[in-house]
């Protein structure tokens, strides 16, 4: 298994116990020789399983907690990709500005932060997330095919992953464009204001 040394390993797997059962052996193999595991969970859920050995009641979360246990057992430092208030911020955005803002928080803004965390990591790190996110992260980080594992390649091959995922990302894109347009307009306004304040020669 040839892996590029200056890029992290990306492992895409769905948040379900069935998929974890299927992908666990490959995950264990990928853990060998690694030092850090970045996992799509909030710190409180990582701590819940490592300190209290308690699984969360939500299967989406407890499935990924099993990966935390294996990474910890293999001697890796487990790092949560999310913050504890990630979904609270998304819910607040939904209440204040609607679904587009919520999807922007859970897709665009969230993935940008993950990229910042992973950008300077090498092949001593493995990042685990849902394939829908992993496809985008692989593009943003320009990861070579040799460093991509799990179900990511399946998601690369299809135009539409699911109605929910694709419509969510589409809405997130609309919100991103709105935010960028507003940001550009603010810059233009500042530039105009500076020009007005400059003394005429």
C-alpha atoms as a PDB file:
ATOM      1  CA  UNK A   1       0.000   0.000   0.000  1.00  0.00           C
ATOM      2  CA  UNK A   2       1.748   3.139  -1.288  1.00  0.00           C
ATOM      3  CA  UNK A   3       0.724   6.339   0.512  1.00  0.00           C
ATOM      4  CA  UNK A   4       2.011   9.841  -0.269  1.00  0.00           C
ATOM      5  CA  UNK A   5       4.011  11.042   2.772  1.00  0.00           C
ATOM      6  CA  UNK A   6       3.143  14.751   2.681  1.00  0.00           C
ATOM      7  CA  UNK A   7      -0.636  14.299   2.729  1.00  0.00           C
ATOM      8  CA  UNK A   8      -3.042  12.862   5.325  1.00  0.00           C
ATOM      9  CA  UNK A   9      -4.986   9.653   4.802  1.00  0.00           C
ATOM     10  CA  UNK A  10      -8.700  10.181   4.218  1.00  0.00           C
ATOM     11  CA  UNK A  11     -11.141   7.449   5.216  1.00  0.00           C
ATOM     12  CA  UNK A  12     -14.765   7.950   4.211  1.00  0.00           C
ATOM     13  CA  UNK A  13     -17.424   5.888   5.928  1.00  0.00           C
ATOM     14  CA  UNK A  14     -21.149   6.325   6.536  1.00  0.00           C
ATOM     15  CA  UNK A  15     -22.394   6.963  10.091  1.00  0.00           C
ATOM     16  CA  UNK A  16     -23.950   3.536  10.596  1.00  0.00           C
ATOM     17  CA  UNK A  17     -22.972   0.423  12.527  1.00  0.00           C
ATOM     18  CA  UNK A  18     -23.460  -1.689   9.386  1.00  0.00           C
ATOM     19  CA  UNK A  19     -20.902   0.363   7.460  1.00  0.00           C
ATOM     20  CA  UNK A  20     -18.535   0.402  10.429  1.00  0.00           C
ATOM     21  CA  UNK A  21     -18.742  -3.400  10.617  1.00  0.00           C
ATOM     22  CA  UNK A  22     -17.862  -3.612   6.916  1.00  0.00           C
ATOM     23  CA  UNK A  23     -15.011  -1.091   7.007  1.00  0.00           C
ATOM     24  CA  UNK A  24     -13.467  -1.847  10.409  1.00  0.00           C
ATOM     25  CA  UNK A  25     -10.753  -4.214   9.172  1.00  0.00           C
ATOM     26  CA  UNK A  26      -9.524  -1.728   6.578  1.00  0.00           C
ATOM     27  CA  UNK A  27      -9.608   1.012   9.212  1.00  0.00           C
ATOM     28  CA  UNK A  28      -7.453  -1.065  11.579  1.00  0.00           C
ATOM     29  CA  UNK A  29      -4.911  -1.638   8.810  1.00  0.00           C
ATOM     30  CA  UNK A  30      -4.771   2.097   8.054  1.00  0.00           C
ATOM     31  CA  UNK A  31      -4.119   2.883  11.729  1.00  0.00           C
ATOM     32  CA  UNK A  32      -0.758   1.122  11.633  1.00  0.00           C
ATOM     33  CA  UNK A  33       2.092   3.615  11.689  1.00  0.00           C
ATOM     34  CA  UNK A  34      -0.184   6.603  12.323  1.00  0.00           C
ATOM     35  CA  UNK A  35      -0.004   9.020  15.255  1.00  0.00           C
ATOM     36  CA  UNK A  36      -3.161  11.106  14.916  1.00  0.00           C
ATOM     37  CA  UNK A  37      -6.798  10.293  14.136  1.00  0.00           C
ATOM     38  CA  UNK A  38      -9.060  13.214  13.191  1.00  0.00           C
ATOM     39  CA  UNK A  39     -12.647  12.015  13.516  1.00  0.00           C
ATOM     40  CA  UNK A  40     -15.941  13.697  12.617  1.00  0.00           C
ATOM     41  CA  UNK A  41     -17.212  14.002  16.160  1.00  0.00           C
ATOM     42  CA  UNK A  42     -17.453  16.697  18.820  1.00  0.00           C
ATOM     43  CA  UNK A  43     -14.938  16.563  21.731  1.00  0.00           C
ATOM     44  CA  UNK A  44     -17.683  15.678  24.223  1.00  0.00           C
ATOM     45  CA  UNK A  45     -18.489  12.485  22.300  1.00  0.00           C
ATOM     46  CA  UNK A  46     -14.807  11.522  22.067  1.00  0.00           C
ATOM     47  CA  UNK A  47     -14.413  12.077  25.815  1.00  0.00           C
ATOM     48  CA  UNK A  48     -17.635  10.225  26.557  1.00  0.00           C
ATOM     49  CA  UNK A  49     -16.277   6.975  25.145  1.00  0.00           C
ATOM     50  CA  UNK A  50     -12.627   7.389  26.215  1.00  0.00           C
ATOM     51  CA  UNK A  51     -13.159   8.534  29.805  1.00  0.00           C
ATOM     52  CA  UNK A  52     -16.473   6.927  30.751  1.00  0.00           C
ATOM     53  CA  UNK A  53     -16.604   4.059  28.235  1.00  0.00           C
ATOM     54  CA  UNK A  54     -20.194   5.031  27.447  1.00  0.00           C
ATOM     55  CA  UNK A  55     -21.659   4.949  23.959  1.00  0.00           C
ATOM     56  CA  UNK A  56     -24.066   7.675  22.892  1.00  0.00           C
ATOM     57  CA  UNK A  57     -27.692   6.658  22.353  1.00  0.00           C
ATOM     58  CA  UNK A  58     -27.683   8.019  18.790  1.00  0.00           C
ATOM     59  CA  UNK A  59     -26.442   5.313  16.355  1.00  0.00           C
ATOM     60  CA  UNK A  60     -24.892   8.006  14.122  1.00  0.00           C
ATOM     61  CA  UNK A  61     -22.609   9.020  16.982  1.00  0.00           C
ATOM     62  CA  UNK A  62     -22.017   5.646  18.636  1.00  0.00           C
ATOM     63  CA  UNK A  63     -20.956   4.136  15.289  1.00  0.00           C
ATOM     64  CA  UNK A  64     -18.114   6.668  15.027  1.00  0.00           C
ATOM     65  CA  UNK A  65     -17.294   6.235  18.721  1.00  0.00           C
ATOM     66  CA  UNK A  66     -16.305   2.668  17.835  1.00  0.00           C
ATOM     67  CA  UNK A  67     -13.639   4.141  15.546  1.00  0.00           C
ATOM     68  CA  UNK A  68     -12.426   6.320  18.417  1.00  0.00           C
ATOM     69  CA  UNK A  69     -12.008   3.207  20.573  1.00  0.00           C
ATOM     70  CA  UNK A  70      -9.978   1.412  17.887  1.00  0.00           C
ATOM     71  CA  UNK A  71      -7.764   4.430  17.203  1.00  0.00           C
ATOM     72  CA  UNK A  72      -7.110   4.893  20.912  1.00  0.00           C
ATOM     73  CA  UNK A  73      -6.361   1.192  21.303  1.00  0.00           C
ATOM     74  CA  UNK A  74      -3.814   1.469  18.474  1.00  0.00           C
ATOM     75  CA  UNK A  75      -2.046   4.287  20.349  1.00  0.00           C
ATOM     76  CA  UNK A  76      -3.206   7.226  18.227  1.00  0.00           C
ATOM     77  CA  UNK A  77      -4.133  10.619  19.625  1.00  0.00           C
ATOM     78  CA  UNK A  78      -7.799  11.152  18.737  1.00  0.00           C
ATOM     79  CA  UNK A  79      -8.708  14.690  17.672  1.00  0.00           C
ATOM     80  CA  UNK A  80     -12.316  15.789  17.198  1.00  0.00           C
ATOM     81  CA  UNK A  81     -12.923  17.584  13.905  1.00  0.00           C
ATOM     82  CA  UNK A  82     -15.976  19.403  15.245  1.00  0.00           C
ATOM     83  CA  UNK A  83     -16.520  21.698  18.219  1.00  0.00           C
ATOM     84  CA  UNK A  84     -19.043  20.953  20.945  1.00  0.00           C
ATOM     85  CA  UNK A  85     -21.261  23.794  19.728  1.00  0.00           C
ATOM     86  CA  UNK A  86     -21.085  22.983  15.996  1.00  0.00           C
ATOM     87  CA  UNK A  87     -24.681  21.838  15.690  1.00  0.00           C
ATOM     88  CA  UNK A  88     -25.935  24.503  18.099  1.00  0.00           C
ATOM     89  CA  UNK A  89     -24.488  27.147  15.786  1.00  0.00           C
ATOM     90  CA  UNK A  90     -26.129  25.466  12.808  1.00  0.00           C
ATOM     91  CA  UNK A  91     -29.489  25.359  14.589  1.00  0.00           C
ATOM     92  CA  UNK A  92     -29.137  29.001  15.619  1.00  0.00           C
ATOM     93  CA  UNK A  93     -28.355  29.920  12.007  1.00  0.00           C
ATOM     94  CA  UNK A  94     -31.470  28.020  10.874  1.00  0.00           C
ATOM     95  CA  UNK A  95     -33.679  29.854  13.352  1.00  0.00           C
ATOM     96  CA  UNK A  96     -32.259  33.283  12.560  1.00  0.00           C
ATOM     97  CA  UNK A  97     -31.582  33.083   8.808  1.00  0.00           C
ATOM     98  CA  UNK A  98     -33.235  29.898   7.497  1.00  0.00           C
ATOM     99  CA  UNK A  99     -32.172  26.537   6.072  1.00  0.00           C
ATOM    100  CA  UNK A 100     -29.614  27.946   3.631  1.00  0.00           C
ATOM    101  CA  UNK A 101     -27.638  29.402   6.544  1.00  0.00           C
ATOM    102  CA  UNK A 102     -27.905  26.114   8.447  1.00  0.00           C
ATOM    103  CA  UNK A 103     -26.535  24.130   5.504  1.00  0.00           C
ATOM    104  CA  UNK A 104     -23.759  26.701   5.048  1.00  0.00           C
ATOM    105  CA  UNK A 105     -22.705  26.048   8.661  1.00  0.00           C
ATOM    106  CA  UNK A 106     -22.821  22.237   8.342  1.00  0.00           C
ATOM    107  CA  UNK A 107     -21.169  22.015   4.920  1.00  0.00           C
ATOM    108  CA  UNK A 108     -19.105  24.970   3.636  1.00  0.00           C
ATOM    109  CA  UNK A 109     -18.016  26.597   6.891  1.00  0.00           C
ATOM    110  CA  UNK A 110     -17.459  23.295   8.677  1.00  0.00           C
ATOM    111  CA  UNK A 111     -15.441  21.739   5.841  1.00  0.00           C
ATOM    112  CA  UNK A 112     -13.300  24.868   5.562  1.00  0.00           C
ATOM    113  CA  UNK A 113     -12.350  24.510   9.240  1.00  0.00           C
ATOM    114  CA  UNK A 114     -11.529  20.836   8.742  1.00  0.00           C
ATOM    115  CA  UNK A 115      -9.246  21.754   5.847  1.00  0.00           C
ATOM    116  CA  UNK A 116      -7.426  24.244   8.055  1.00  0.00           C
ATOM    117  CA  UNK A 117      -6.870  21.488  10.632  1.00  0.00           C
ATOM    118  CA  UNK A 118      -5.677  18.940   8.067  1.00  0.00           C
ATOM    119  CA  UNK A 119      -3.728  21.122   5.641  1.00  0.00           C
ATOM    120  CA  UNK A 120      -0.326  20.760   7.312  1.00  0.00           C
ATOM    121  CA  UNK A 121      -0.662  17.119   8.345  1.00  0.00           C
ATOM    122  CA  UNK A 122       1.157  14.225   6.704  1.00  0.00           C
ATOM    123  CA  UNK A 123       0.658  10.500   6.335  1.00  0.00           C
ATOM    124  CA  UNK A 124       1.062  10.040  10.095  1.00  0.00           C
ATOM    125  CA  UNK A 125      -2.527  11.325  10.304  1.00  0.00           C
ATOM    126  CA  UNK A 126      -5.830   9.761   9.294  1.00  0.00           C
ATOM    127  CA  UNK A 127      -9.055  11.750   8.931  1.00  0.00           C
ATOM    128  CA  UNK A 128     -12.420   9.999   9.164  1.00  0.00           C
ATOM    129  CA  UNK A 129     -15.697  11.507   7.968  1.00  0.00           C
ATOM    130  CA  UNK A 130     -18.848  10.792   5.985  1.00  0.00           C
ATOM    131  CA  UNK A 131     -18.073  10.238   2.263  1.00  0.00           C
ATOM    132  CA  UNK A 132     -20.216  13.249   1.276  1.00  0.00           C
ATOM    133  CA  UNK A 133     -17.811  15.479   3.223  1.00  0.00           C
ATOM    134  CA  UNK A 134     -14.750  13.418   2.309  1.00  0.00           C
ATOM    135  CA  UNK A 135     -15.264  13.955  -1.432  1.00  0.00           C
ATOM    136  CA  UNK A 136     -15.155  17.718  -0.920  1.00  0.00           C
ATOM    137  CA  UNK A 137     -12.184  17.585   1.480  1.00  0.00           C
ATOM    138  CA  UNK A 138     -10.228  15.429  -0.980  1.00  0.00           C
ATOM    139  CA  UNK A 139     -10.775  18.070  -3.669  1.00  0.00           C
ATOM    140  CA  UNK A 140      -9.928  21.021  -1.432  1.00  0.00           C
ATOM    141  CA  UNK A 141      -6.728  19.416  -0.113  1.00  0.00           C
ATOM    142  CA  UNK A 142      -5.858  17.973  -3.547  1.00  0.00           C
ATOM    143  CA  UNK A 143      -5.291  14.546  -2.051  1.00  0.00           C
ATOM    144  CA  UNK A 144      -3.763  11.890  -4.309  1.00  0.00           C
ATOM    145  CA  UNK A 145      -5.806   8.770  -4.984  1.00  0.00           C
ATOM    146  CA  UNK A 146      -3.284   6.703  -3.006  1.00  0.00           C
ATOM    147  CA  UNK A 147      -4.335   8.476   0.201  1.00  0.00           C
ATOM    148  CA  UNK A 148      -8.093   7.977  -0.233  1.00  0.00           C
ATOM    149  CA  UNK A 149      -9.860   4.980   1.295  1.00  0.00           C
ATOM    150  CA  UNK A 150     -13.280   3.731   2.316  1.00  0.00           C
ATOM    151  CA  UNK A 151     -16.387   4.589   0.331  1.00  0.00           C
ATOM    152  CA  UNK A 152     -15.119   7.923  -1.014  1.00  0.00           C
ATOM    153  CA  UNK A 153     -14.358   6.561  -4.473  1.00  0.00           C
ATOM    154  CA  UNK A 154     -17.960   5.386  -4.837  1.00  0.00           C
ATOM    155  CA  UNK A 155     -19.134   8.924  -4.164  1.00  0.00           C
ATOM    156  CA  UNK A 156     -16.669  10.371  -6.679  1.00  0.00           C
ATOM    157  CA  UNK A 157     -18.174   8.198  -9.426  1.00  0.00           C
ATOM    158  CA  UNK A 158     -21.787   9.292  -9.051  1.00  0.00           C
ATOM    159  CA  UNK A 159     -23.136  12.697  -9.982  1.00  0.00           C
ATOM    160  CA  UNK A 160     -25.723  12.747  -7.216  1.00  0.00           C
ATOM    161  CA  UNK A 161     -25.057  11.178  -3.810  1.00  0.00           C
ATOM    162  CA  UNK A 162     -28.561  11.594  -2.406  1.00  0.00           C
ATOM    163  CA  UNK A 163     -31.369  14.124  -2.703  1.00  0.00           C
ATOM    164  CA  UNK A 164     -30.766  15.249   0.873  1.00  0.00           C
ATOM    165  CA  UNK A 165     -26.982  15.684   0.590  1.00  0.00           C
ATOM    166  CA  UNK A 166     -27.004  17.343  -2.822  1.00  0.00           C
ATOM    167  CA  UNK A 167     -29.852  19.758  -2.101  1.00  0.00           C
ATOM    168  CA  UNK A 168     -28.178  20.654   1.218  1.00  0.00           C
ATOM    169  CA  UNK A 169     -24.878  21.453  -0.492  1.00  0.00           C
ATOM    170  CA  UNK A 170     -26.738  23.410  -3.173  1.00  0.00           C
ATOM    171  CA  UNK A 171     -28.464  25.532  -0.524  1.00  0.00           C
ATOM    172  CA  UNK A 172     -25.106  25.982   1.239  1.00  0.00           C
ATOM    173  CA  UNK A 173     -23.653  27.267  -2.033  1.00  0.00           C
ATOM    174  CA  UNK A 174     -26.424  29.860  -2.373  1.00  0.00           C
ATOM    175  CA  UNK A 175     -25.727  31.098   1.149  1.00  0.00           C
ATOM    176  CA  UNK A 176     -21.968  31.203   0.456  1.00  0.00           C
ATOM    177  CA  UNK A 177     -22.555  33.335  -2.652  1.00  0.00           C
ATOM    178  CA  UNK A 178     -24.797  35.684  -0.664  1.00  0.00           C
ATOM    179  CA  UNK A 179     -22.166  36.077   2.066  1.00  0.00           C
ATOM    180  CA  UNK A 180     -19.376  36.639  -0.470  1.00  0.00           C
ATOM    181  CA  UNK A 181     -21.480  39.231  -2.317  1.00  0.00           C
ATOM    182  CA  UNK A 182     -22.151  41.104   0.930  1.00  0.00           C
ATOM    183  CA  UNK A 183     -18.465  40.925   1.878  1.00  0.00           C
ATOM    184  CA  UNK A 184     -17.459  42.321  -1.526  1.00  0.00           C
ATOM    185  CA  UNK A 185     -20.003  45.125  -1.248  1.00  0.00           C
ATOM    186  CA  UNK A 186     -18.666  46.068   2.212  1.00  0.00           C
ATOM    187  CA  UNK A 187     -15.131  46.259   0.804  1.00  0.00           C
ATOM    188  CA  UNK A 188     -16.316  48.470  -2.050  1.00  0.00           C
ATOM    189  CA  UNK A 189     -18.169  50.730   0.376  1.00  0.00           C
ATOM    190  CA  UNK A 190     -15.050  51.087   2.552  1.00  0.00           C
ATOM    191  CA  UNK A 191     -13.001  51.920  -0.535  1.00  0.00           C
ATOM    192  CA  UNK A 192     -15.552  54.565  -1.596  1.00  0.00           C
ATOM    193  CA  UNK A 193     -15.588  56.034   1.912  1.00  0.00           C
ATOM    194  CA  UNK A 194     -11.776  56.247   1.934  1.00  0.00           C
ATOM    195  CA  UNK A 195     -11.827  58.022  -1.413  1.00  0.00           C
ATOM    196  CA  UNK A 196     -14.339  60.556  -0.076  1.00  0.00           C
ATOM    197  CA  UNK A 197     -12.189  61.268   2.986  1.00  0.00           C
ATOM    198  CA  UNK A 198      -9.020  61.841   0.974  1.00  0.00           C
ATOM    199  CA  UNK A 199      -8.274  65.573   0.506  1.00  0.00           C
ATOM    200  CA  UNK A 200      -8.563  66.862  -3.032  1.00  0.00           C
ATOM    201  CA  UNK A 201      -5.355  68.152  -4.567  1.00  0.00           C
END
